[in-house]
Amino acid sequence: MKILHVAPIYREVPPKGYGGTERIVHILATLQVTHGHEVVVLGVKGTDTQTAYKVKSYVKRVSRSSLVRNFHVYTSLLEILEDFDVVHFHVLNSFNVTPLLKMLRVFLDAPAYLTTLHADPPLTGLKRYLYTKISSHPLVAISHSQAERVKKRGYRVVAVVYHGIDVESYPFCRDKEDYFVYVGRIDKTKGVHVAVEAARRAGKRLVIAGPVADKAYFEEHVKLYLGADITYLGEVSENEKRRLLCKAKALIYPVQYEEFFGLILAEALATGTPVIGFARGSVVEIVEDGITGFLAKDLDEMVYAMNRIDAINPVNCRRRAEERFSAERMFEDYELVYKQLVGGGP
């Protein structure tokens, strides 16, 4: 098949640091090429980056501007002229071009299309009404909990596909060092303040890594408590992130919303590191309580879990990552979705 991926333009593809969606696009596109597909990624190409797939850029630099992002999505329509079989969107504003795509499929031999929900679509308001009543845009959820939420609001979910990673490329550490780790975006929604408080109450060392998305929040809830036992490393490289995960006793994940998937959870398990997370959204699907970590409903339970984390066997964490979150499994799942849409149409 000839496949076009429409990636976000918040970061380059592949990302050099933080960037879960862009990383998934890179992993999937690379595997698709390996399996004989012709793949183009519409996004922002990283400098000095070699990829197995072609990256095409109408937008030359990363941007968060809604005007620029909409321009990026509409340029995907130009690519249809190259006779793609599938257009795979990884951005929510793909809904903006749905009416045109539907018309093209009626009057022309246009490609099948789908959008992976790397975040929830609008769940209320006018946008939700328009998308669910007018559009039959096929969506792929990245967890069953997400699929249930969006289906209840009228969206068309055609499949659930968990994110996948190249598990074998992650180092495995059976022996852990004496620290816990938080890796990810730093803002209130991710609950970093809860990780800090849990570490303080448990008397444990916490290492924090990731980009600061909310400076005022960081100043008040993280920086104020930095010291010998709570340290902040900034946004680390991919290799450093893997080393941090591998040696940690556990990844702390006190997410404050119904998590869509949480790629860092699968990455931690791949290194043999258990997860202690709040039981929100997909966390309850990824973390098997008492086997690959602990699910907590509040701060007290998180502190309790930190004090008994040595009961979790790192070998079980790695094995579950291989079985459930491999890149090859993700590739196979999307192959089935593509074939369904190409054969029957959206």
C-alpha atoms as a PDB file:
ATOM      1  CA  MET A   1       0.000   0.000   0.000  1.00  0.00           C
ATOM      2  CA  LYS A   2       0.933   3.631  -0.415  1.00  0.00           C
ATOM      3  CA  ILE A   3       0.355   5.369   2.922  1.00  0.00           C
ATOM      4  CA  LEU A   4       0.367   9.039   3.922  1.00  0.00           C
ATOM      5  CA  HIS A   5       0.728   9.942   7.606  1.00  0.00           C
ATOM      6  CA  VAL A   6      -0.282  13.475   8.587  1.00  0.00           C
ATOM      7  CA  ALA A   7       1.774  14.166  11.714  1.00  0.00           C
ATOM      8  CA  PRO A   8       1.486  17.079  14.172  1.00  0.00           C
ATOM      9  CA  ILE A   9       3.768  20.057  13.671  1.00  0.00           C
ATOM     10  CA  TYR A  10       4.339  20.763  17.374  1.00  0.00           C
ATOM     11  CA  ARG A  11       7.630  18.867  17.057  1.00  0.00           C
ATOM     12  CA  GLU A  12       9.856  17.354  14.403  1.00  0.00           C
ATOM     13  CA  VAL A  13       9.465  13.790  13.113  1.00  0.00           C
ATOM     14  CA  PRO A  14      11.095  11.877  14.636  1.00  0.00           C
ATOM     15  CA  PRO A  15      11.279  13.953  17.842  1.00  0.00           C
ATOM     16  CA  LYS A  16      14.622  14.524  19.512  1.00  0.00           C
ATOM     17  CA  GLY A  17      13.148  14.606  23.018  1.00  0.00           C
ATOM     18  CA  TYR A  18       9.599  14.797  24.330  1.00  0.00           C
ATOM     19  CA  GLY A  19       6.989  13.945  21.695  1.00  0.00           C
ATOM     20  CA  GLY A  20       4.856  10.841  22.080  1.00  0.00           C
ATOM     21  CA  THR A  21       2.644  11.258  18.993  1.00  0.00           C
ATOM     22  CA  GLU A  22       5.578  12.039  16.729  1.00  0.00           C
ATOM     23  CA  ARG A  23       7.417   9.012  18.089  1.00  0.00           C
ATOM     24  CA  ILE A  24       4.477   6.733  17.300  1.00  0.00           C
ATOM     25  CA  VAL A  25       4.276   8.102  13.748  1.00  0.00           C
ATOM     26  CA  HIS A  26       7.989   7.420  13.304  1.00  0.00           C
ATOM     27  CA  ILE A  27       7.801   3.871  14.682  1.00  0.00           C
ATOM     28  CA  LEU A  28       4.748   2.947  12.621  1.00  0.00           C
ATOM     29  CA  ALA A  29       6.016   4.496   9.383  1.00  0.00           C
ATOM     30  CA  THR A  30       9.403   2.812   9.762  1.00  0.00           C
ATOM     31  CA  LEU A  31       7.843  -0.626  10.264  1.00  0.00           C
ATOM     32  CA  GLN A  32       5.485  -0.117   7.339  1.00  0.00           C
ATOM     33  CA  VAL A  33       8.454   0.554   5.060  1.00  0.00           C
ATOM     34  CA  THR A  34      10.185  -2.545   6.446  1.00  0.00           C
ATOM     35  CA  HIS A  35       7.130  -4.572   5.460  1.00  0.00           C
ATOM     36  CA  GLY A  36       7.164  -3.267   1.906  1.00  0.00           C
ATOM     37  CA  HIS A  37       4.766  -0.320   1.992  1.00  0.00           C
ATOM     38  CA  GLU A  38       5.537   3.042   0.399  1.00  0.00           C
ATOM     39  CA  VAL A  39       5.221   5.662   3.125  1.00  0.00           C
ATOM     40  CA  VAL A  40       5.242   9.459   3.212  1.00  0.00           C
ATOM     41  CA  VAL A  41       4.978  11.496   6.413  1.00  0.00           C
ATOM     42  CA  LEU A  42       3.621  15.016   6.123  1.00  0.00           C
ATOM     43  CA  GLY A  43       5.198  16.920   8.996  1.00  0.00           C
ATOM     44  CA  VAL A  44       8.287  18.836  10.009  1.00  0.00           C
ATOM     45  CA  LYS A  45      11.467  16.963   9.225  1.00  0.00           C
ATOM     46  CA  GLY A  46      14.190  16.939  11.830  1.00  0.00           C
ATOM     47  CA  THR A  47      17.559  18.388  10.885  1.00  0.00           C
ATOM     48  CA  ASP A  48      20.308  15.840  10.264  1.00  0.00           C
ATOM     49  CA  THR A  49      17.769  13.010  10.571  1.00  0.00           C
ATOM     50  CA  GLN A  50      17.705   9.963   8.310  1.00  0.00           C
ATOM     51  CA  THR A  51      14.433   8.065   8.000  1.00  0.00           C
ATOM     52  CA  ALA A  52      13.341   4.975   6.090  1.00  0.00           C
ATOM     53  CA  TYR A  53      10.248   6.854   4.942  1.00  0.00           C
ATOM     54  CA  LYS A  54       9.968  10.134   3.050  1.00  0.00           C
ATOM     55  CA  VAL A  55       9.149  13.272   5.031  1.00  0.00           C
ATOM     56  CA  LYS A  56       7.395  16.030   3.116  1.00  0.00           C
ATOM     57  CA  SER A  57       7.131  19.470   4.672  1.00  0.00           C
ATOM     58  CA  TYR A  58       4.886  22.305   3.598  1.00  0.00           C
ATOM     59  CA  VAL A  59       5.590  23.805   7.011  1.00  0.00           C
ATOM     60  CA  LYS A  60       9.300  24.356   7.477  1.00  0.00           C
ATOM     61  CA  ARG A  61       9.422  24.802  11.250  1.00  0.00           C
ATOM     62  CA  VAL A  62       7.491  23.610  14.280  1.00  0.00           C
ATOM     63  CA  SER A  63       4.458  25.699  15.221  1.00  0.00           C
ATOM     64  CA  ARG A  64       1.514  25.795  17.625  1.00  0.00           C
ATOM     65  CA  SER A  65      -0.398  28.404  15.640  1.00  0.00           C
ATOM     66  CA  SER A  66      -3.935  27.205  14.821  1.00  0.00           C
ATOM     67  CA  LEU A  67      -3.733  28.981  11.459  1.00  0.00           C
ATOM     68  CA  VAL A  68      -0.505  27.201  10.538  1.00  0.00           C
ATOM     69  CA  ARG A  69      -1.810  23.855  11.822  1.00  0.00           C
ATOM     70  CA  ASN A  70      -4.957  24.139   9.713  1.00  0.00           C
ATOM     71  CA  PHE A  71      -2.866  25.023   6.663  1.00  0.00           C
ATOM     72  CA  HIS A  72      -0.795  21.912   7.363  1.00  0.00           C
ATOM     73  CA  VAL A  73      -3.907  19.716   7.432  1.00  0.00           C
ATOM     74  CA  TYR A  74      -5.414  21.176   4.256  1.00  0.00           C
ATOM     75  CA  THR A  75      -2.177  20.562   2.357  1.00  0.00           C
ATOM     76  CA  SER A  76      -2.765  16.863   2.955  1.00  0.00           C
ATOM     77  CA  LEU A  77      -5.502  17.099   0.325  1.00  0.00           C
ATOM     78  CA  LEU A  78      -2.873  18.007  -2.274  1.00  0.00           C
ATOM     79  CA  GLU A  79      -1.099  14.738  -1.561  1.00  0.00           C
ATOM     80  CA  ILE A  80      -4.168  12.718  -2.519  1.00  0.00           C
ATOM     81  CA  LEU A  81      -3.296  13.474  -6.125  1.00  0.00           C
ATOM     82  CA  GLU A  82      -0.331  11.125  -5.683  1.00  0.00           C
ATOM     83  CA  ASP A  83      -2.760   8.202  -5.472  1.00  0.00           C
ATOM     84  CA  PHE A  84      -2.365   7.106  -1.859  1.00  0.00           C
ATOM     85  CA  ASP A  85      -4.334   4.111  -0.648  1.00  0.00           C
ATOM     86  CA  VAL A  86      -4.629   5.385   2.930  1.00  0.00           C
ATOM     87  CA  VAL A  87      -4.368   8.815   4.540  1.00  0.00           C
ATOM     88  CA  HIS A  88      -3.709   8.361   8.267  1.00  0.00           C
ATOM     89  CA  PHE A  89      -4.209  11.513  10.331  1.00  0.00           C
ATOM     90  CA  HIS A  90      -2.565  11.931  13.739  1.00  0.00           C
ATOM     91  CA  VAL A  91      -4.076  15.376  14.414  1.00  0.00           C
ATOM     92  CA  LEU A  92      -7.550  16.251  15.683  1.00  0.00           C
ATOM     93  CA  ASN A  93      -8.085  19.103  13.225  1.00  0.00           C
ATOM     94  CA  SER A  94      -8.265  16.417  10.546  1.00  0.00           C
ATOM     95  CA  PHE A  95     -12.016  16.773  11.118  1.00  0.00           C
ATOM     96  CA  ASN A  96     -11.764  20.082   9.236  1.00  0.00           C
ATOM     97  CA  VAL A  97     -11.153  18.290   5.936  1.00  0.00           C
ATOM     98  CA  THR A  98     -13.622  15.443   6.465  1.00  0.00           C
ATOM     99  CA  PRO A  99     -16.393  16.877   4.237  1.00  0.00           C
ATOM    100  CA  LEU A 100     -13.962  17.302   1.357  1.00  0.00           C
ATOM    101  CA  LEU A 101     -12.586  13.818   1.836  1.00  0.00           C
ATOM    102  CA  LYS A 102     -16.083  12.361   1.774  1.00  0.00           C
ATOM    103  CA  MET A 103     -16.876  14.222  -1.477  1.00  0.00           C
ATOM    104  CA  LEU A 104     -13.641  13.044  -3.058  1.00  0.00           C
ATOM    105  CA  ARG A 105     -14.446   9.453  -2.186  1.00  0.00           C
ATOM    106  CA  VAL A 106     -17.853   9.802  -3.847  1.00  0.00           C
ATOM    107  CA  PHE A 107     -16.707  11.452  -7.069  1.00  0.00           C
ATOM    108  CA  LEU A 108     -13.099  10.315  -7.370  1.00  0.00           C
ATOM    109  CA  ASP A 109     -10.991   7.262  -6.610  1.00  0.00           C
ATOM    110  CA  ALA A 110      -9.772   8.935  -3.418  1.00  0.00           C
ATOM    111  CA  PRO A 111      -7.962   7.107  -0.610  1.00  0.00           C
ATOM    112  CA  ALA A 112      -9.417   5.681   2.557  1.00  0.00           C
ATOM    113  CA  TYR A 113      -8.770   7.838   5.602  1.00  0.00           C
ATOM    114  CA  LEU A 114      -8.755   7.589   9.391  1.00  0.00           C
ATOM    115  CA  THR A 115      -7.661   9.524  12.445  1.00  0.00           C
ATOM    116  CA  THR A 116      -5.898   8.101  15.487  1.00  0.00           C
ATOM    117  CA  LEU A 117      -7.142   9.776  18.660  1.00  0.00           C
ATOM    118  CA  HIS A 118      -3.881  10.692  20.360  1.00  0.00           C
ATOM    119  CA  ALA A 119      -6.150  12.843  22.541  1.00  0.00           C
ATOM    120  CA  ASP A 120      -9.905  12.918  23.069  1.00  0.00           C
ATOM    121  CA  PRO A 121     -11.930  14.826  20.457  1.00  0.00           C
ATOM    122  CA  PRO A 122     -14.308  17.589  21.590  1.00  0.00           C
ATOM    123  CA  LEU A 123     -16.775  15.877  23.908  1.00  0.00           C
ATOM    124  CA  THR A 124     -19.266  18.739  24.181  1.00  0.00           C
ATOM    125  CA  GLY A 125     -20.455  21.814  22.311  1.00  0.00           C
ATOM    126  CA  LEU A 126     -20.991  22.750  18.672  1.00  0.00           C
ATOM    127  CA  LYS A 127     -17.868  21.030  17.383  1.00  0.00           C
ATOM    128  CA  ARG A 128     -18.937  17.705  18.820  1.00  0.00           C
ATOM    129  CA  TYR A 129     -22.401  18.108  17.313  1.00  0.00           C
ATOM    130  CA  LEU A 130     -21.015  18.870  13.858  1.00  0.00           C
ATOM    131  CA  TYR A 131     -18.469  16.055  13.939  1.00  0.00           C
ATOM    132  CA  THR A 132     -20.908  13.404  15.125  1.00  0.00           C
ATOM    133  CA  LYS A 133     -24.019  14.452  13.192  1.00  0.00           C
ATOM    134  CA  ILE A 134     -22.441  15.418   9.882  1.00  0.00           C
ATOM    135  CA  SER A 135     -19.209  13.445   9.794  1.00  0.00           C
ATOM    136  CA  SER A 136     -18.746   9.700   9.792  1.00  0.00           C
ATOM    137  CA  HIS A 137     -14.990  10.098  10.067  1.00  0.00           C
ATOM    138  CA  PRO A 138     -13.471   6.730  11.127  1.00  0.00           C
ATOM    139  CA  LEU A 139     -11.509   7.002  14.364  1.00  0.00           C
ATOM    140  CA  VAL A 140      -9.030   4.701  16.053  1.00  0.00           C
ATOM    141  CA  ALA A 141      -8.938   4.936  19.840  1.00  0.00           C
ATOM    142  CA  ILE A 142      -5.681   4.212  21.656  1.00  0.00           C
ATOM    143  CA  SER A 143      -7.345   2.588  24.669  1.00  0.00           C
ATOM    144  CA  HIS A 144     -10.644   0.923  25.453  1.00  0.00           C
ATOM    145  CA  SER A 145     -11.489   3.526  28.082  1.00  0.00           C
ATOM    146  CA  GLN A 146     -11.057   6.268  25.477  1.00  0.00           C
ATOM    147  CA  ALA A 147     -13.190   4.345  22.977  1.00  0.00           C
ATOM    148  CA  GLU A 148     -16.017   4.057  25.503  1.00  0.00           C
ATOM    149  CA  ARG A 149     -15.929   7.797  26.274  1.00  0.00           C
ATOM    150  CA  VAL A 150     -16.061   8.974  22.676  1.00  0.00           C
ATOM    151  CA  LYS A 151     -18.572   6.363  21.502  1.00  0.00           C
ATOM    152  CA  LYS A 152     -21.032   7.544  24.150  1.00  0.00           C
ATOM    153  CA  ARG A 153     -20.902  10.977  22.532  1.00  0.00           C
ATOM    154  CA  GLY A 154     -21.664   9.747  19.038  1.00  0.00           C
ATOM    155  CA  TYR A 155     -18.214   9.419  17.481  1.00  0.00           C
ATOM    156  CA  ARG A 156     -17.464   6.513  15.146  1.00  0.00           C
ATOM    157  CA  VAL A 157     -14.655   4.372  16.560  1.00  0.00           C
ATOM    158  CA  VAL A 158     -13.667   1.609  14.142  1.00  0.00           C
ATOM    159  CA  ALA A 159     -10.906   0.028  16.256  1.00  0.00           C
ATOM    160  CA  VAL A 160      -8.785   0.230  19.385  1.00  0.00           C
ATOM    161  CA  VAL A 161      -5.023   0.050  18.780  1.00  0.00           C
ATOM    162  CA  TYR A 162      -2.583   0.341  21.670  1.00  0.00           C
ATOM    163  CA  HIS A 163       0.597   2.270  20.994  1.00  0.00           C
ATOM    164  CA  GLY A 164       3.658   0.119  20.388  1.00  0.00           C
ATOM    165  CA  ILE A 165       7.387   0.553  20.934  1.00  0.00           C
ATOM    166  CA  ASP A 166      10.536  -1.289  19.892  1.00  0.00           C
ATOM    167  CA  VAL A 167      10.796  -3.128  23.191  1.00  0.00           C
ATOM    168  CA  GLU A 168      14.069  -4.844  22.302  1.00  0.00           C
ATOM    169  CA  SER A 169      15.799  -1.469  21.893  1.00  0.00           C
ATOM    170  CA  TYR A 170      15.144  -0.603  25.561  1.00  0.00           C
ATOM    171  CA  PRO A 171      17.709  -1.653  28.172  1.00  0.00           C
ATOM    172  CA  PHE A 172      16.456  -4.068  30.816  1.00  0.00           C
ATOM    173  CA  CYS A 173      17.509  -3.551  34.433  1.00  0.00           C
ATOM    174  CA  ARG A 174      16.780  -6.182  37.040  1.00  0.00           C
ATOM    175  CA  ASP A 175      18.750  -4.341  39.723  1.00  0.00           C
ATOM    176  CA  LYS A 176      17.367  -0.906  40.574  1.00  0.00           C
ATOM    177  CA  GLU A 177      18.902   2.165  42.155  1.00  0.00           C
ATOM    178  CA  ASP A 178      17.382   3.968  45.108  1.00  0.00           C
ATOM    179  CA  TYR A 179      15.158   6.523  43.374  1.00  0.00           C
ATOM    180  CA  PHE A 180      11.737   6.942  41.789  1.00  0.00           C
ATOM    181  CA  VAL A 181      11.200   8.849  38.557  1.00  0.00           C
ATOM    182  CA  TYR A 182       8.645  11.070  36.871  1.00  0.00           C
ATOM    183  CA  VAL A 183       9.150  11.594  33.125  1.00  0.00           C
ATOM    184  CA  GLY A 184       6.822  13.730  31.051  1.00  0.00           C
ATOM    185  CA  ARG A 185       5.295  17.134  30.521  1.00  0.00           C
ATOM    186  CA  ILE A 186       5.288  19.286  33.643  1.00  0.00           C
ATOM    187  CA  ASP A 187       1.924  20.877  34.313  1.00  0.00           C
ATOM    188  CA  LYS A 188      -1.054  20.429  36.625  1.00  0.00           C
ATOM    189  CA  THR A 189      -2.828  17.877  34.418  1.00  0.00           C
ATOM    190  CA  LYS A 190       0.046  15.423  34.788  1.00  0.00           C
ATOM    191  CA  GLY A 191       0.014  15.707  38.576  1.00  0.00           C
ATOM    192  CA  VAL A 192       3.732  16.291  39.125  1.00  0.00           C
ATOM    193  CA  HIS A 193       2.865  18.044  42.402  1.00  0.00           C
ATOM    194  CA  VAL A 194       1.370  14.765  43.643  1.00  0.00           C
ATOM    195  CA  ALA A 195       4.578  12.892  42.755  1.00  0.00           C
ATOM    196  CA  VAL A 196       6.575  15.467  44.718  1.00  0.00           C
ATOM    197  CA  GLU A 197       4.302  15.215  47.770  1.00  0.00           C
ATOM    198  CA  ALA A 198       4.253  11.411  47.633  1.00  0.00           C
ATOM    199  CA  ALA A 199       8.051  11.272  47.586  1.00  0.00           C
ATOM    200  CA  ARG A 200       8.266  13.697  50.517  1.00  0.00           C
ATOM    201  CA  ARG A 201       5.787  11.713  52.606  1.00  0.00           C
ATOM    202  CA  ALA A 202       7.398   8.383  51.784  1.00  0.00           C
ATOM    203  CA  GLY A 203      10.899   9.727  52.391  1.00  0.00           C
ATOM    204  CA  LYS A 204      12.006   8.637  48.918  1.00  0.00           C
ATOM    205  CA  ARG A 205      14.260  10.194  46.311  1.00  0.00           C
ATOM    206  CA  LEU A 206      12.445  11.500  43.204  1.00  0.00           C
ATOM    207  CA  VAL A 207      14.043  12.425  39.882  1.00  0.00           C
ATOM    208  CA  ILE A 208      11.921  14.574  37.539  1.00  0.00           C
ATOM    209  CA  ALA A 209      12.559  14.973  33.807  1.00  0.00           C
ATOM    210  CA  GLY A 210      10.537  16.651  31.076  1.00  0.00           C
ATOM    211  CA  PRO A 211       9.629  19.980  29.497  1.00  0.00           C
ATOM    212  CA  VAL A 212       7.990  22.680  31.602  1.00  0.00           C
ATOM    213  CA  ALA A 213       4.617  23.414  30.009  1.00  0.00           C
ATOM    214  CA  ASP A 214       3.425  25.744  32.786  1.00  0.00           C
ATOM    215  CA  LYS A 215       6.176  27.897  34.277  1.00  0.00           C
ATOM    216  CA  ALA A 216       4.073  29.298  37.134  1.00  0.00           C
ATOM    217  CA  TYR A 217       3.000  25.784  38.116  1.00  0.00           C
ATOM    218  CA  PHE A 218       6.616  24.575  38.046  1.00  0.00           C
ATOM    219  CA  GLU A 219       7.784  27.472  40.216  1.00  0.00           C
ATOM    220  CA  GLU A 220       5.108  26.888  42.862  1.00  0.00           C
ATOM    221  CA  HIS A 221       4.747  23.111  42.938  1.00  0.00           C
ATOM    222  CA  VAL A 222       8.114  21.701  41.844  1.00  0.00           C
ATOM    223  CA  LYS A 223      10.992  24.177  42.057  1.00  0.00           C
ATOM    224  CA  LEU A 224      10.085  25.138  45.605  1.00  0.00           C
ATOM    225  CA  TYR A 225      10.832  21.578  46.794  1.00  0.00           C
ATOM    226  CA  LEU A 226      13.983  20.826  44.795  1.00  0.00           C
ATOM    227  CA  GLY A 227      16.966  19.672  46.802  1.00  0.00           C
ATOM    228  CA  ALA A 228      18.974  16.575  47.614  1.00  0.00           C
ATOM    229  CA  ASP A 229      15.981  14.216  47.488  1.00  0.00           C
ATOM    230  CA  ILE A 230      13.935  15.850  44.738  1.00  0.00           C
ATOM    231  CA  THR A 231      15.858  16.800  41.607  1.00  0.00           C
ATOM    232  CA  TYR A 232      14.868  18.191  38.213  1.00  0.00           C
ATOM    233  CA  LEU A 233      16.969  17.353  35.144  1.00  0.00           C
ATOM    234  CA  GLY A 234      15.095  19.329  32.478  1.00  0.00           C
ATOM    235  CA  GLU A 235      14.132  17.748  29.171  1.00  0.00           C
ATOM    236  CA  VAL A 236      16.550  14.853  28.707  1.00  0.00           C
ATOM    237  CA  SER A 237      17.704  13.016  25.586  1.00  0.00           C
ATOM    238  CA  GLU A 238      16.113   9.747  24.510  1.00  0.00           C
ATOM    239  CA  ASN A 239      19.111   7.733  25.735  1.00  0.00           C
ATOM    240  CA  GLU A 240      19.124   9.489  29.104  1.00  0.00           C
ATOM    241  CA  LYS A 241      15.376   8.953  29.474  1.00  0.00           C
ATOM    242  CA  ARG A 242      15.801   5.219  28.935  1.00  0.00           C
ATOM    243  CA  ARG A 243      18.650   5.060  31.445  1.00  0.00           C
ATOM    244  CA  LEU A 244      16.581   6.931  34.038  1.00  0.00           C
ATOM    245  CA  LEU A 245      13.627   4.619  33.560  1.00  0.00           C
ATOM    246  CA  CYS A 246      15.753   1.493  33.629  1.00  0.00           C
ATOM    247  CA  LYS A 247      17.439   2.198  36.947  1.00  0.00           C
ATOM    248  CA  ALA A 248      14.397   3.601  38.791  1.00  0.00           C
ATOM    249  CA  LYS A 249      12.467   1.631  41.383  1.00  0.00           C
ATOM    250  CA  ALA A 250       9.257   2.802  39.714  1.00  0.00           C
ATOM    251  CA  LEU A 251       7.755   5.401  37.426  1.00  0.00           C
ATOM    252  CA  ILE A 252       5.339   7.664  39.309  1.00  0.00           C
ATOM    253  CA  TYR A 253       2.307   8.621  37.201  1.00  0.00           C
ATOM    254  CA  PRO A 254      -0.317  10.617  39.139  1.00  0.00           C
ATOM    255  CA  VAL A 255      -2.272  11.764  36.068  1.00  0.00           C
ATOM    256  CA  GLN A 256      -5.172  14.134  36.823  1.00  0.00           C
ATOM    257  CA  TYR A 257      -7.438  13.282  33.877  1.00  0.00           C
ATOM    258  CA  GLU A 258      -8.747  10.207  32.113  1.00  0.00           C
ATOM    259  CA  GLU A 259      -5.496   9.198  30.393  1.00  0.00           C
ATOM    260  CA  PHE A 260      -5.759   8.387  26.681  1.00  0.00           C
ATOM    261  CA  PHE A 261      -2.821   5.936  26.688  1.00  0.00           C
ATOM    262  CA  GLY A 262       0.415   7.149  28.305  1.00  0.00           C
ATOM    263  CA  LEU A 263       3.333   5.995  26.146  1.00  0.00           C
ATOM    264  CA  ILE A 264       5.831   6.479  28.973  1.00  0.00           C
ATOM    265  CA  LEU A 265       4.071   3.705  30.905  1.00  0.00           C
ATOM    266  CA  ALA A 266       4.862   1.157  28.193  1.00  0.00           C
ATOM    267  CA  GLU A 267       8.422   2.476  27.967  1.00  0.00           C
ATOM    268  CA  ALA A 268       8.937   2.036  31.705  1.00  0.00           C
ATOM    269  CA  LEU A 269       7.647  -1.532  31.597  1.00  0.00           C
ATOM    270  CA  ALA A 270       9.983  -2.289  28.685  1.00  0.00           C
ATOM    271  CA  THR A 271      12.959  -1.446  30.911  1.00  0.00           C
ATOM    272  CA  GLY A 272      11.656  -3.693  33.674  1.00  0.00           C
ATOM    273  CA  THR A 273      10.470  -0.762  35.772  1.00  0.00           C
ATOM    274  CA  PRO A 274       7.021  -0.959  37.390  1.00  0.00           C
ATOM    275  CA  VAL A 275       4.523   1.898  37.377  1.00  0.00           C
ATOM    276  CA  ILE A 276       2.684   3.456  40.304  1.00  0.00           C
ATOM    277  CA  GLY A 277      -0.171   5.405  38.798  1.00  0.00           C
ATOM    278  CA  PHE A 278      -3.562   6.837  39.535  1.00  0.00           C
ATOM    279  CA  ALA A 279      -6.351   4.600  38.242  1.00  0.00           C
ATOM    280  CA  ARG A 280      -7.508   7.039  35.563  1.00  0.00           C
ATOM    281  CA  GLY A 281      -8.474   6.071  32.023  1.00  0.00           C
ATOM    282  CA  SER A 282      -6.017   3.789  30.246  1.00  0.00           C
ATOM    283  CA  VAL A 283      -3.722   3.485  33.282  1.00  0.00           C
ATOM    284  CA  VAL A 284      -5.938   0.647  34.529  1.00  0.00           C
ATOM    285  CA  GLU A 285      -5.473  -1.136  31.177  1.00  0.00           C
ATOM    286  CA  ILE A 286      -1.697  -0.769  31.034  1.00  0.00           C
ATOM    287  CA  VAL A 287      -0.732  -1.318  34.681  1.00  0.00           C
ATOM    288  CA  GLU A 288      -1.696  -4.725  36.097  1.00  0.00           C
ATOM    289  CA  ASP A 289      -2.097  -4.127  39.807  1.00  0.00           C
ATOM    290  CA  GLY A 290       0.348  -6.216  41.806  1.00  0.00           C
ATOM    291  CA  ILE A 291       2.059  -7.588  38.670  1.00  0.00           C
ATOM    292  CA  THR A 292       3.549  -4.658  36.740  1.00  0.00           C
ATOM    293  CA  GLY A 293       3.012  -2.002  39.364  1.00  0.00           C
ATOM    294  CA  PHE A 294       0.289  -0.603  41.578  1.00  0.00           C
ATOM    295  CA  LEU A 295      -2.891   1.348  40.915  1.00  0.00           C
ATOM    296  CA  ALA A 296      -3.702   4.061  43.439  1.00  0.00           C
ATOM    297  CA  LYS A 297      -6.852   6.097  43.962  1.00  0.00           C
ATOM    298  CA  ASP A 298      -5.261   8.852  46.064  1.00  0.00           C
ATOM    299  CA  LEU A 299      -2.044  10.205  47.551  1.00  0.00           C
ATOM    300  CA  ASP A 300      -2.085   7.887  50.574  1.00  0.00           C
ATOM    301  CA  GLU A 301      -2.304   4.794  48.379  1.00  0.00           C
ATOM    302  CA  MET A 302       0.531   6.116  46.205  1.00  0.00           C
ATOM    303  CA  VAL A 303       2.766   6.532  49.255  1.00  0.00           C
ATOM    304  CA  TYR A 304       1.853   3.024  50.431  1.00  0.00           C
ATOM    305  CA  ALA A 305       2.718   1.599  46.993  1.00  0.00           C
ATOM    306  CA  MET A 306       6.115   3.323  46.965  1.00  0.00           C
ATOM    307  CA  ASN A 307       6.967   1.542  50.214  1.00  0.00           C
ATOM    308  CA  ARG A 308       6.190  -1.912  48.803  1.00  0.00           C
ATOM    309  CA  ILE A 309       7.412  -1.561  45.238  1.00  0.00           C
ATOM    310  CA  ASP A 310      10.148  -4.170  45.741  1.00  0.00           C
ATOM    311  CA  ALA A 311       7.403  -6.818  45.590  1.00  0.00           C
ATOM    312  CA  ILE A 312       7.116  -6.267  41.801  1.00  0.00           C
ATOM    313  CA  ASN A 313       9.328  -8.466  39.613  1.00  0.00           C
ATOM    314  CA  PRO A 314      11.059  -6.508  36.802  1.00  0.00           C
ATOM    315  CA  VAL A 315      10.983  -9.618  34.603  1.00  0.00           C
ATOM    316  CA  ASN A 316       7.179  -9.551  34.596  1.00  0.00           C
ATOM    317  CA  CYS A 317       7.205  -5.897  33.543  1.00  0.00           C
ATOM    318  CA  ARG A 318       9.450  -6.601  30.560  1.00  0.00           C
ATOM    319  CA  ARG A 319       7.492  -9.688  29.544  1.00  0.00           C
ATOM    320  CA  ARG A 320       4.173  -7.827  29.581  1.00  0.00           C
ATOM    321  CA  ALA A 321       5.658  -5.021  27.468  1.00  0.00           C
ATOM    322  CA  GLU A 322       6.826  -7.574  24.892  1.00  0.00           C
ATOM    323  CA  GLU A 323       3.427  -9.254  24.807  1.00  0.00           C
ATOM    324  CA  ARG A 324       1.177  -6.204  24.788  1.00  0.00           C
ATOM    325  CA  PHE A 325       3.040  -3.104  23.609  1.00  0.00           C
ATOM    326  CA  SER A 326       5.414  -4.150  20.829  1.00  0.00           C
ATOM    327  CA  ALA A 327       5.768  -2.100  17.658  1.00  0.00           C
ATOM    328  CA  GLU A 328       5.124  -5.202  15.545  1.00  0.00           C
ATOM    329  CA  ARG A 329       1.775  -5.781  17.257  1.00  0.00           C
ATOM    330  CA  MET A 330       0.805  -2.140  16.612  1.00  0.00           C
ATOM    331  CA  PHE A 331       1.792  -2.497  12.943  1.00  0.00           C
ATOM    332  CA  GLU A 332      -0.332  -5.642  12.561  1.00  0.00           C
ATOM    333  CA  ASP A 333      -3.338  -4.019  14.214  1.00  0.00           C
ATOM    334  CA  TYR A 334      -3.184  -1.037  11.861  1.00  0.00           C
ATOM    335  CA  GLU A 335      -2.791  -3.344   8.871  1.00  0.00           C
ATOM    336  CA  LEU A 336      -6.172  -4.844   9.727  1.00  0.00           C
ATOM    337  CA  VAL A 337      -7.771  -1.404  10.069  1.00  0.00           C
ATOM    338  CA  TYR A 338      -6.329  -0.228   6.744  1.00  0.00           C
ATOM    339  CA  LYS A 339      -7.560  -3.290   4.911  1.00  0.00           C
ATOM    340  CA  GLN A 340     -11.019  -2.876   6.394  1.00  0.00           C
ATOM    341  CA  LEU A 341     -11.236   0.765   5.298  1.00  0.00           C
ATOM    342  CA  VAL A 342      -9.706   0.263   1.861  1.00  0.00           C
ATOM    343  CA  GLY A 343     -12.066  -2.622   1.173  1.00  0.00           C
ATOM    344  CA  GLY A 344     -15.273  -1.148   2.526  1.00  0.00           C
ATOM    345  CA  GLY A 345     -14.609   2.581   2.729  1.00  0.00           C
ATOM    346  CA  PRO A 346     -15.498   4.865   5.619  1.00  0.00           C
END
